[in-house]
Amino acid sequence: MNGEGKPFGNQGFNQQQQNQNQVQIKNKFGEVKNLFVSGNVDYNKLYSLSEEIAKNLEINSTKIRKFYNHVKKLELDKDVDITRNLNKFVAMLMYDVGREGKPFLKDFASGMKEVVDVVKQKKGDELIKHYKYFVDFFESLVAYHKFYKG
């Protein structure tokens, strides 16, 4: 801090940018959730939202890939209880993120949980269809994250 109580350099700017990124992520996850709630998922909009989230997402590639692999693995097993396994995914996600305690990871976890909660409310064929939407969303999120964050 300088003598005026302001941070030296661009620390204040960095914190402000982080806060804006967090708000952006929350808003975009809200839009994804609304797409899922509507039941009419527009893939162009879904991919656009995943790109916007990925641009602002401060998570390392290994961690996001770990979460994605857990979800993708479920898709391969035809006898899987989707709701049960999505619950396990959310628990794993929350534990891992809570252990690190970083606000931007909590925003990611909260956003993913909101979307998963909508998927879990579906039944029968609608559950399968929305689960596939979720996997597609997550896959594009990982791809855009790799593109923007390397």
N, C-alpha and C. Protein backbone atom coordinates (compact mmCIF):
# COMPACT_ATOMS: atom_id res chain seq x y z
N MET A 1 0.83 -1.18 0.00
CA MET A 1 0.00 0.00 0.00
C MET A 1 0.88 1.24 0.00
N ASN A 2 0.43 2.23 -0.76
CA ASN A 2 1.15 3.50 -0.73
C ASN A 2 0.61 4.35 0.42
N GLY A 3 1.08 5.54 0.57
CA GLY A 3 0.68 6.40 1.68
C GLY A 3 -0.78 6.79 1.64
N GLU A 4 -1.44 6.63 0.49
CA GLU A 4 -2.85 7.00 0.35
C GLU A 4 -3.78 5.82 0.59
N GLY A 5 -3.24 4.68 1.00
CA GLY A 5 -4.07 3.50 1.25
C GLY A 5 -4.46 2.75 0.00
N LYS A 6 -3.78 3.07 -1.10
CA LYS A 6 -4.07 2.39 -2.37
C LYS A 6 -2.97 1.38 -2.64
N PRO A 7 -3.30 0.29 -3.31
CA PRO A 7 -2.28 -0.72 -3.61
C PRO A 7 -1.26 -0.18 -4.60
N PHE A 8 -0.03 -0.64 -4.46
CA PHE A 8 1.02 -0.30 -5.41
C PHE A 8 0.73 -0.97 -6.74
N GLY A 9 1.21 -0.36 -7.80
CA GLY A 9 1.15 -0.99 -9.13
C GLY A 9 -0.26 -1.23 -9.57
N ASN A 10 -0.47 -2.39 -10.19
CA ASN A 10 -1.78 -2.70 -10.75
C ASN A 10 -2.52 -3.76 -9.95
N GLN A 11 -2.17 -3.91 -8.68
CA GLN A 11 -2.84 -4.93 -7.86
C GLN A 11 -4.35 -4.68 -7.77
N GLY A 12 -4.73 -3.42 -7.61
CA GLY A 12 -6.16 -3.08 -7.55
C GLY A 12 -6.85 -3.42 -8.85
N PHE A 13 -6.18 -3.13 -9.95
CA PHE A 13 -6.74 -3.45 -11.27
C PHE A 13 -6.92 -4.96 -11.42
N ASN A 14 -5.91 -5.74 -11.02
CA ASN A 14 -6.00 -7.20 -11.13
C ASN A 14 -7.16 -7.75 -10.31
N GLN A 15 -7.34 -7.22 -9.10
CA GLN A 15 -8.45 -7.67 -8.26
C GLN A 15 -9.79 -7.30 -8.89
N GLN A 16 -9.85 -6.10 -9.44
CA GLN A 16 -11.07 -5.65 -10.10
C GLN A 16 -11.37 -6.55 -11.31
N GLN A 17 -10.34 -6.89 -12.08
CA GLN A 17 -10.52 -7.76 -13.24
C GLN A 17 -10.99 -9.15 -12.81
N GLN A 18 -10.40 -9.67 -11.73
CA GLN A 18 -10.83 -10.97 -11.21
C GLN A 18 -12.29 -10.93 -10.80
N ASN A 19 -12.70 -9.86 -10.13
CA ASN A 19 -14.10 -9.73 -9.71
C ASN A 19 -15.03 -9.68 -10.91
N GLN A 20 -14.63 -8.95 -11.95
CA GLN A 20 -15.43 -8.89 -13.17
C GLN A 20 -15.51 -10.26 -13.84
N ASN A 21 -14.40 -11.00 -13.85
CA ASN A 21 -14.41 -12.35 -14.42
C ASN A 21 -15.36 -13.26 -13.66
N GLN A 22 -15.36 -13.15 -12.33
CA GLN A 22 -16.23 -13.98 -11.52
C GLN A 22 -17.70 -13.67 -11.82
N VAL A 23 -18.03 -12.39 -11.93
CA VAL A 23 -19.40 -11.99 -12.25
C VAL A 23 -19.78 -12.51 -13.64
N GLN A 24 -18.86 -12.39 -14.58
CA GLN A 24 -19.09 -12.87 -15.95
C GLN A 24 -19.37 -14.37 -15.95
N ILE A 25 -18.56 -15.13 -15.22
CA ILE A 25 -18.74 -16.59 -15.16
C ILE A 25 -20.09 -16.92 -14.55
N LYS A 26 -20.45 -16.29 -13.45
CA LYS A 26 -21.74 -16.55 -12.81
C LYS A 26 -22.89 -16.26 -13.77
N ASN A 27 -22.82 -15.13 -14.46
CA ASN A 27 -23.88 -14.77 -15.39
C ASN A 27 -23.99 -15.76 -16.54
N LYS A 28 -22.86 -16.17 -17.09
CA LYS A 28 -22.88 -17.10 -18.22
C LYS A 28 -23.38 -18.48 -17.80
N PHE A 29 -22.99 -18.94 -16.62
CA PHE A 29 -23.52 -20.21 -16.13
C PHE A 29 -25.03 -20.10 -15.92
N GLY A 30 -25.49 -18.94 -15.48
CA GLY A 30 -26.93 -18.72 -15.34
C GLY A 30 -27.64 -18.85 -16.67
N GLU A 31 -27.02 -18.33 -17.73
CA GLU A 31 -27.60 -18.46 -19.06
C GLU A 31 -27.63 -19.91 -19.53
N VAL A 32 -26.56 -20.65 -19.23
CA VAL A 32 -26.53 -22.08 -19.58
C VAL A 32 -27.66 -22.80 -18.84
N LYS A 33 -27.79 -22.53 -17.57
CA LYS A 33 -28.86 -23.14 -16.78
C LYS A 33 -30.23 -22.84 -17.39
N ASN A 34 -30.44 -21.60 -17.79
CA ASN A 34 -31.73 -21.22 -18.39
C ASN A 34 -31.98 -21.95 -19.70
N LEU A 35 -30.93 -22.17 -20.48
CA LEU A 35 -31.08 -22.97 -21.71
C LEU A 35 -31.57 -24.37 -21.38
N PHE A 36 -30.97 -24.96 -20.36
CA PHE A 36 -31.33 -26.32 -19.96
C PHE A 36 -32.74 -26.36 -19.38
N VAL A 37 -33.11 -25.36 -18.61
CA VAL A 37 -34.45 -25.30 -18.03
C VAL A 37 -35.50 -25.20 -19.13
N SER A 38 -35.21 -24.40 -20.16
CA SER A 38 -36.17 -24.21 -21.25
C SER A 38 -36.45 -25.52 -21.98
N GLY A 39 -35.49 -26.44 -21.94
CA GLY A 39 -35.67 -27.72 -22.63
C GLY A 39 -35.36 -27.64 -24.11
N ASN A 40 -35.16 -26.43 -24.60
CA ASN A 40 -34.89 -26.21 -26.02
C ASN A 40 -33.46 -25.68 -26.13
N VAL A 41 -32.50 -26.57 -26.13
CA VAL A 41 -31.09 -26.17 -26.11
C VAL A 41 -30.62 -25.85 -27.52
N ASP A 42 -30.25 -24.60 -27.71
CA ASP A 42 -29.69 -24.12 -28.97
C ASP A 42 -28.17 -24.33 -28.89
N TYR A 43 -27.66 -25.24 -29.72
CA TYR A 43 -26.24 -25.58 -29.65
C TYR A 43 -25.33 -24.38 -29.96
N ASN A 44 -25.75 -23.51 -30.87
CA ASN A 44 -24.94 -22.33 -31.15
C ASN A 44 -24.79 -21.47 -29.91
N LYS A 45 -25.87 -21.26 -29.20
CA LYS A 45 -25.84 -20.47 -27.98
C LYS A 45 -25.04 -21.20 -26.90
N LEU A 46 -25.23 -22.50 -26.79
CA LEU A 46 -24.52 -23.30 -25.79
C LEU A 46 -23.00 -23.21 -26.00
N TYR A 47 -22.56 -23.34 -27.23
CA TYR A 47 -21.12 -23.26 -27.51
C TYR A 47 -20.59 -21.84 -27.32
N SER A 48 -21.39 -20.87 -27.66
CA SER A 48 -20.99 -19.48 -27.44
C SER A 48 -20.81 -19.21 -25.94
N LEU A 49 -21.72 -19.71 -25.13
CA LEU A 49 -21.61 -19.53 -23.68
C LEU A 49 -20.39 -20.27 -23.12
N SER A 50 -20.14 -21.46 -23.62
CA SER A 50 -18.96 -22.21 -23.13
C SER A 50 -17.68 -21.46 -23.48
N GLU A 51 -17.66 -20.82 -24.64
CA GLU A 51 -16.49 -20.03 -25.02
C GLU A 51 -16.31 -18.84 -24.08
N GLU A 52 -17.39 -18.13 -23.78
CA GLU A 52 -17.31 -16.98 -22.89
C GLU A 52 -16.86 -17.38 -21.48
N ILE A 53 -17.35 -18.50 -21.01
CA ILE A 53 -16.94 -18.99 -19.69
C ILE A 53 -15.46 -19.34 -19.71
N ALA A 54 -15.04 -20.06 -20.74
CA ALA A 54 -13.64 -20.50 -20.84
C ALA A 54 -12.68 -19.33 -20.88
N LYS A 55 -13.06 -18.25 -21.54
CA LYS A 55 -12.20 -17.06 -21.62
C LYS A 55 -11.89 -16.50 -20.24
N ASN A 56 -12.84 -16.60 -19.34
CA ASN A 56 -12.71 -15.99 -18.02
C ASN A 56 -12.37 -16.98 -16.92
N LEU A 57 -12.27 -18.24 -17.26
CA LEU A 57 -12.08 -19.29 -16.27
C LEU A 57 -10.63 -19.43 -15.87
N GLU A 58 -10.37 -19.27 -14.59
CA GLU A 58 -9.01 -19.40 -14.05
C GLU A 58 -8.89 -20.75 -13.35
N ILE A 59 -8.68 -21.77 -14.14
CA ILE A 59 -8.53 -23.12 -13.61
C ILE A 59 -7.46 -23.79 -14.49
N ASN A 60 -6.64 -24.63 -13.88
CA ASN A 60 -5.60 -25.24 -14.72
C ASN A 60 -6.19 -26.38 -15.56
N SER A 61 -5.51 -26.65 -16.65
CA SER A 61 -5.99 -27.65 -17.61
C SER A 61 -6.15 -29.03 -17.00
N THR A 62 -5.24 -29.39 -16.12
CA THR A 62 -5.30 -30.71 -15.49
C THR A 62 -6.57 -30.87 -14.67
N LYS A 63 -6.91 -29.85 -13.92
CA LYS A 63 -8.09 -29.93 -13.05
C LYS A 63 -9.38 -29.98 -13.86
N ILE A 64 -9.52 -29.11 -14.85
CA ILE A 64 -10.76 -29.11 -15.63
C ILE A 64 -10.89 -30.43 -16.39
N ARG A 65 -9.77 -30.95 -16.85
CA ARG A 65 -9.78 -32.22 -17.58
C ARG A 65 -10.18 -33.37 -16.64
N LYS A 66 -9.71 -33.33 -15.40
CA LYS A 66 -10.07 -34.34 -14.40
C LYS A 66 -11.59 -34.38 -14.21
N PHE A 67 -12.20 -33.21 -14.08
CA PHE A 67 -13.65 -33.14 -13.90
C PHE A 67 -14.38 -33.62 -15.15
N TYR A 68 -13.90 -33.19 -16.29
CA TYR A 68 -14.53 -33.59 -17.55
C TYR A 68 -14.44 -35.10 -17.76
N ASN A 69 -13.28 -35.69 -17.50
CA ASN A 69 -13.11 -37.13 -17.68
C ASN A 69 -14.08 -37.92 -16.83
N HIS A 70 -14.36 -37.44 -15.63
CA HIS A 70 -15.31 -38.12 -14.76
C HIS A 70 -16.69 -38.15 -15.41
N VAL A 71 -17.11 -37.03 -15.97
CA VAL A 71 -18.43 -36.93 -16.61
C VAL A 71 -18.46 -37.73 -17.90
N LYS A 72 -17.42 -37.63 -18.69
CA LYS A 72 -17.36 -38.31 -19.99
C LYS A 72 -17.39 -39.83 -19.82
N LYS A 73 -16.75 -40.30 -18.77
CA LYS A 73 -16.70 -41.74 -18.50
C LYS A 73 -18.11 -42.31 -18.32
N LEU A 74 -19.00 -41.55 -17.75
CA LEU A 74 -20.37 -42.01 -17.52
C LEU A 74 -21.10 -42.26 -18.83
N GLU A 75 -20.78 -41.44 -19.83
CA GLU A 75 -21.46 -41.54 -21.12
C GLU A 75 -21.19 -42.88 -21.80
N LEU A 76 -20.06 -43.47 -21.52
CA LEU A 76 -19.67 -44.71 -22.17
C LEU A 76 -20.37 -45.93 -21.60
N ASP A 77 -20.86 -45.83 -20.38
CA ASP A 77 -21.49 -46.95 -19.70
C ASP A 77 -23.01 -46.86 -19.85
N LYS A 78 -23.59 -47.75 -20.61
CA LYS A 78 -25.02 -47.71 -20.90
C LYS A 78 -25.89 -48.08 -19.69
N ASP A 79 -25.33 -48.77 -18.72
CA ASP A 79 -26.10 -49.20 -17.55
C ASP A 79 -25.92 -48.27 -16.35
N VAL A 80 -25.40 -47.09 -16.58
CA VAL A 80 -25.08 -46.19 -15.50
C VAL A 80 -26.35 -45.47 -14.99
N ASP A 81 -26.40 -45.23 -13.71
CA ASP A 81 -27.45 -44.43 -13.11
C ASP A 81 -26.98 -42.97 -13.20
N ILE A 82 -27.49 -42.25 -14.16
CA ILE A 82 -26.99 -40.90 -14.45
C ILE A 82 -27.14 -39.98 -13.24
N THR A 83 -28.29 -39.99 -12.61
CA THR A 83 -28.53 -39.10 -11.48
C THR A 83 -27.56 -39.39 -10.34
N ARG A 84 -27.39 -40.65 -10.03
CA ARG A 84 -26.47 -41.04 -8.95
C ARG A 84 -25.05 -40.58 -9.27
N ASN A 85 -24.62 -40.80 -10.49
CA ASN A 85 -23.26 -40.45 -10.87
C ASN A 85 -23.06 -38.94 -11.01
N LEU A 86 -24.08 -38.21 -11.40
CA LEU A 86 -23.97 -36.76 -11.41
C LEU A 86 -23.85 -36.23 -9.97
N ASN A 87 -24.56 -36.87 -9.04
CA ASN A 87 -24.43 -36.50 -7.63
C ASN A 87 -22.99 -36.75 -7.15
N LYS A 88 -22.43 -37.87 -7.56
CA LYS A 88 -21.03 -38.17 -7.19
C LYS A 88 -20.08 -37.14 -7.81
N PHE A 89 -20.34 -36.77 -9.06
CA PHE A 89 -19.52 -35.77 -9.73
C PHE A 89 -19.55 -34.44 -8.97
N VAL A 90 -20.75 -34.00 -8.60
CA VAL A 90 -20.87 -32.73 -7.88
C VAL A 90 -20.16 -32.81 -6.54
N ALA A 91 -20.30 -33.91 -5.84
CA ALA A 91 -19.62 -34.07 -4.55
C ALA A 91 -18.10 -34.01 -4.73
N MET A 92 -17.59 -34.70 -5.73
CA MET A 92 -16.16 -34.68 -6.01
C MET A 92 -15.69 -33.28 -6.37
N LEU A 93 -16.46 -32.61 -7.20
CA LEU A 93 -16.14 -31.25 -7.62
C LEU A 93 -16.11 -30.31 -6.42
N MET A 94 -17.15 -30.36 -5.60
CA MET A 94 -17.22 -29.47 -4.43
C MET A 94 -16.09 -29.75 -3.44
N TYR A 95 -15.79 -31.02 -3.23
CA TYR A 95 -14.71 -31.37 -2.31
C TYR A 95 -13.39 -30.81 -2.82
N ASP A 96 -13.09 -31.08 -4.08
CA ASP A 96 -11.82 -30.66 -4.66
C ASP A 96 -11.67 -29.14 -4.64
N VAL A 97 -12.72 -28.45 -5.01
CA VAL A 97 -12.69 -26.99 -5.05
C VAL A 97 -12.64 -26.42 -3.63
N GLY A 98 -13.41 -27.00 -2.72
CA GLY A 98 -13.40 -26.55 -1.33
C GLY A 98 -12.05 -26.73 -0.67
N ARG A 99 -11.37 -27.77 -1.04
CA ARG A 99 -10.04 -28.04 -0.49
C ARG A 99 -9.07 -26.94 -0.87
N GLU A 100 -9.21 -26.42 -2.08
CA GLU A 100 -8.31 -25.36 -2.54
C GLU A 100 -8.75 -23.98 -2.07
N GLY A 101 -10.06 -23.80 -1.88
CA GLY A 101 -10.58 -22.56 -1.32
C GLY A 101 -10.41 -21.31 -2.17
N LYS A 102 -10.27 -21.46 -3.47
CA LYS A 102 -10.08 -20.30 -4.34
C LYS A 102 -11.45 -19.84 -4.86
N PRO A 103 -11.75 -18.54 -4.71
CA PRO A 103 -13.07 -18.05 -5.10
C PRO A 103 -13.47 -18.35 -6.54
N PHE A 104 -12.53 -18.22 -7.48
CA PHE A 104 -12.87 -18.46 -8.88
C PHE A 104 -13.21 -19.93 -9.13
N LEU A 105 -12.60 -20.84 -8.37
CA LEU A 105 -12.96 -22.26 -8.51
C LEU A 105 -14.34 -22.51 -7.92
N LYS A 106 -14.66 -21.81 -6.85
CA LYS A 106 -15.99 -21.96 -6.25
C LYS A 106 -17.07 -21.50 -7.22
N ASP A 107 -16.79 -20.44 -7.96
CA ASP A 107 -17.75 -19.96 -8.96
C ASP A 107 -17.95 -21.00 -10.06
N PHE A 108 -16.87 -21.61 -10.48
CA PHE A 108 -16.95 -22.68 -11.49
C PHE A 108 -17.80 -23.84 -10.95
N ALA A 109 -17.48 -24.27 -9.74
CA ALA A 109 -18.21 -25.40 -9.13
C ALA A 109 -19.68 -25.08 -8.94
N SER A 110 -19.98 -23.88 -8.47
CA SER A 110 -21.38 -23.48 -8.26
C SER A 110 -22.14 -23.45 -9.58
N GLY A 111 -21.50 -22.91 -10.62
CA GLY A 111 -22.13 -22.87 -11.93
C GLY A 111 -22.40 -24.25 -12.49
N MET A 112 -21.42 -25.12 -12.38
CA MET A 112 -21.61 -26.50 -12.85
C MET A 112 -22.71 -27.20 -12.07
N LYS A 113 -22.74 -26.97 -10.76
CA LYS A 113 -23.77 -27.59 -9.92
C LYS A 113 -25.17 -27.12 -10.34
N GLU A 114 -25.31 -25.85 -10.63
CA GLU A 114 -26.62 -25.33 -11.07
C GLU A 114 -27.09 -26.04 -12.33
N VAL A 115 -26.19 -26.21 -13.28
CA VAL A 115 -26.55 -26.87 -14.53
C VAL A 115 -26.87 -28.34 -14.28
N VAL A 116 -26.04 -29.01 -13.48
CA VAL A 116 -26.27 -30.42 -13.16
C VAL A 116 -27.61 -30.60 -12.45
N ASP A 117 -27.95 -29.69 -11.56
CA ASP A 117 -29.22 -29.80 -10.84
C ASP A 117 -30.41 -29.77 -11.79
N VAL A 118 -30.32 -28.99 -12.85
CA VAL A 118 -31.39 -28.96 -13.85
C VAL A 118 -31.45 -30.30 -14.57
N VAL A 119 -30.31 -30.83 -14.95
CA VAL A 119 -30.26 -32.12 -15.65
C VAL A 119 -30.87 -33.22 -14.79
N LYS A 120 -30.53 -33.24 -13.51
CA LYS A 120 -31.00 -34.29 -12.60
C LYS A 120 -32.51 -34.27 -12.39
N GLN A 121 -33.14 -33.15 -12.63
CA GLN A 121 -34.59 -33.04 -12.47
C GLN A 121 -35.35 -33.74 -13.58
N LYS A 122 -34.69 -34.01 -14.66
CA LYS A 122 -35.34 -34.65 -15.82
C LYS A 122 -35.51 -36.14 -15.55
N LYS A 123 -36.42 -36.74 -16.27
CA LYS A 123 -36.71 -38.17 -16.11
C LYS A 123 -36.68 -38.87 -17.47
N GLY A 124 -36.35 -40.15 -17.45
CA GLY A 124 -36.40 -40.98 -18.65
C GLY A 124 -35.55 -40.46 -19.79
N ASP A 125 -36.17 -40.39 -20.97
CA ASP A 125 -35.45 -39.94 -22.16
C ASP A 125 -34.98 -38.50 -22.06
N GLU A 126 -35.75 -37.67 -21.35
CA GLU A 126 -35.35 -36.27 -21.16
C GLU A 126 -34.07 -36.17 -20.35
N LEU A 127 -33.92 -37.05 -19.37
CA LEU A 127 -32.69 -37.08 -18.57
C LEU A 127 -31.50 -37.42 -19.45
N ILE A 128 -31.64 -38.43 -20.29
CA ILE A 128 -30.56 -38.84 -21.19
C ILE A 128 -30.22 -37.71 -22.16
N LYS A 129 -31.26 -37.10 -22.73
CA LYS A 129 -31.04 -36.01 -23.69
C LYS A 129 -30.31 -34.84 -23.03
N HIS A 130 -30.74 -34.45 -21.85
CA HIS A 130 -30.11 -33.32 -21.16
C HIS A 130 -28.72 -33.67 -20.64
N TYR A 131 -28.52 -34.92 -20.29
CA TYR A 131 -27.17 -35.33 -19.91
C TYR A 131 -26.22 -35.18 -21.10
N LYS A 132 -26.69 -35.55 -22.28
CA LYS A 132 -25.87 -35.41 -23.48
C LYS A 132 -25.59 -33.93 -23.77
N TYR A 133 -26.59 -33.08 -23.57
CA TYR A 133 -26.36 -31.63 -23.70
C TYR A 133 -25.25 -31.19 -22.74
N PHE A 134 -25.33 -31.67 -21.51
CA PHE A 134 -24.35 -31.30 -20.49
C PHE A 134 -22.95 -31.76 -20.89
N VAL A 135 -22.83 -32.99 -21.37
CA VAL A 135 -21.53 -33.51 -21.80
C VAL A 135 -20.99 -32.67 -22.97
N ASP A 136 -21.86 -32.33 -23.91
CA ASP A 136 -21.44 -31.50 -25.04
C ASP A 136 -20.98 -30.12 -24.57
N PHE A 137 -21.72 -29.55 -23.64
CA PHE A 137 -21.34 -28.25 -23.08
C PHE A 137 -19.98 -28.34 -22.40
N PHE A 138 -19.80 -29.36 -21.59
CA PHE A 138 -18.55 -29.52 -20.84
C PHE A 138 -17.38 -29.76 -21.81
N GLU A 139 -17.62 -30.56 -22.84
CA GLU A 139 -16.58 -30.83 -23.83
C GLU A 139 -16.15 -29.54 -24.54
N SER A 140 -17.10 -28.71 -24.92
CA SER A 140 -16.74 -27.46 -25.58
C SER A 140 -16.07 -26.50 -24.61
N LEU A 141 -16.47 -26.54 -23.35
CA LEU A 141 -15.82 -25.71 -22.33
C LEU A 141 -14.34 -26.09 -22.20
N VAL A 142 -14.06 -27.38 -22.16
CA VAL A 142 -12.68 -27.86 -22.07
C VAL A 142 -11.89 -27.45 -23.33
N ALA A 143 -12.51 -27.58 -24.49
CA ALA A 143 -11.82 -27.24 -25.74
C ALA A 143 -11.50 -25.75 -25.81
N TYR A 144 -12.48 -24.92 -25.49
CA TYR A 144 -12.22 -23.47 -25.51
C TYR A 144 -11.23 -23.07 -24.43
N HIS A 145 -11.28 -23.73 -23.29
CA HIS A 145 -10.33 -23.44 -22.22
C HIS A 145 -8.92 -23.73 -22.72
N LYS A 146 -8.75 -24.85 -23.38
CA LYS A 146 -7.43 -25.21 -23.92
C LYS A 146 -6.96 -24.17 -24.94
N PHE A 147 -7.90 -23.72 -25.78
CA PHE A 147 -7.57 -22.72 -26.80
C PHE A 147 -7.13 -21.40 -26.17
N TYR A 148 -7.87 -20.92 -25.18
CA TYR A 148 -7.59 -19.61 -24.61
C TYR A 148 -6.51 -19.63 -23.52
N LYS A 149 -6.42 -20.72 -22.79
CA LYS A 149 -5.48 -20.76 -21.67
C LYS A 149 -4.25 -21.61 -21.94
N GLY A 150 -4.30 -22.39 -23.02
CA GLY A 150 -3.12 -23.19 -23.40
C GLY A 150 -2.94 -24.35 -22.61
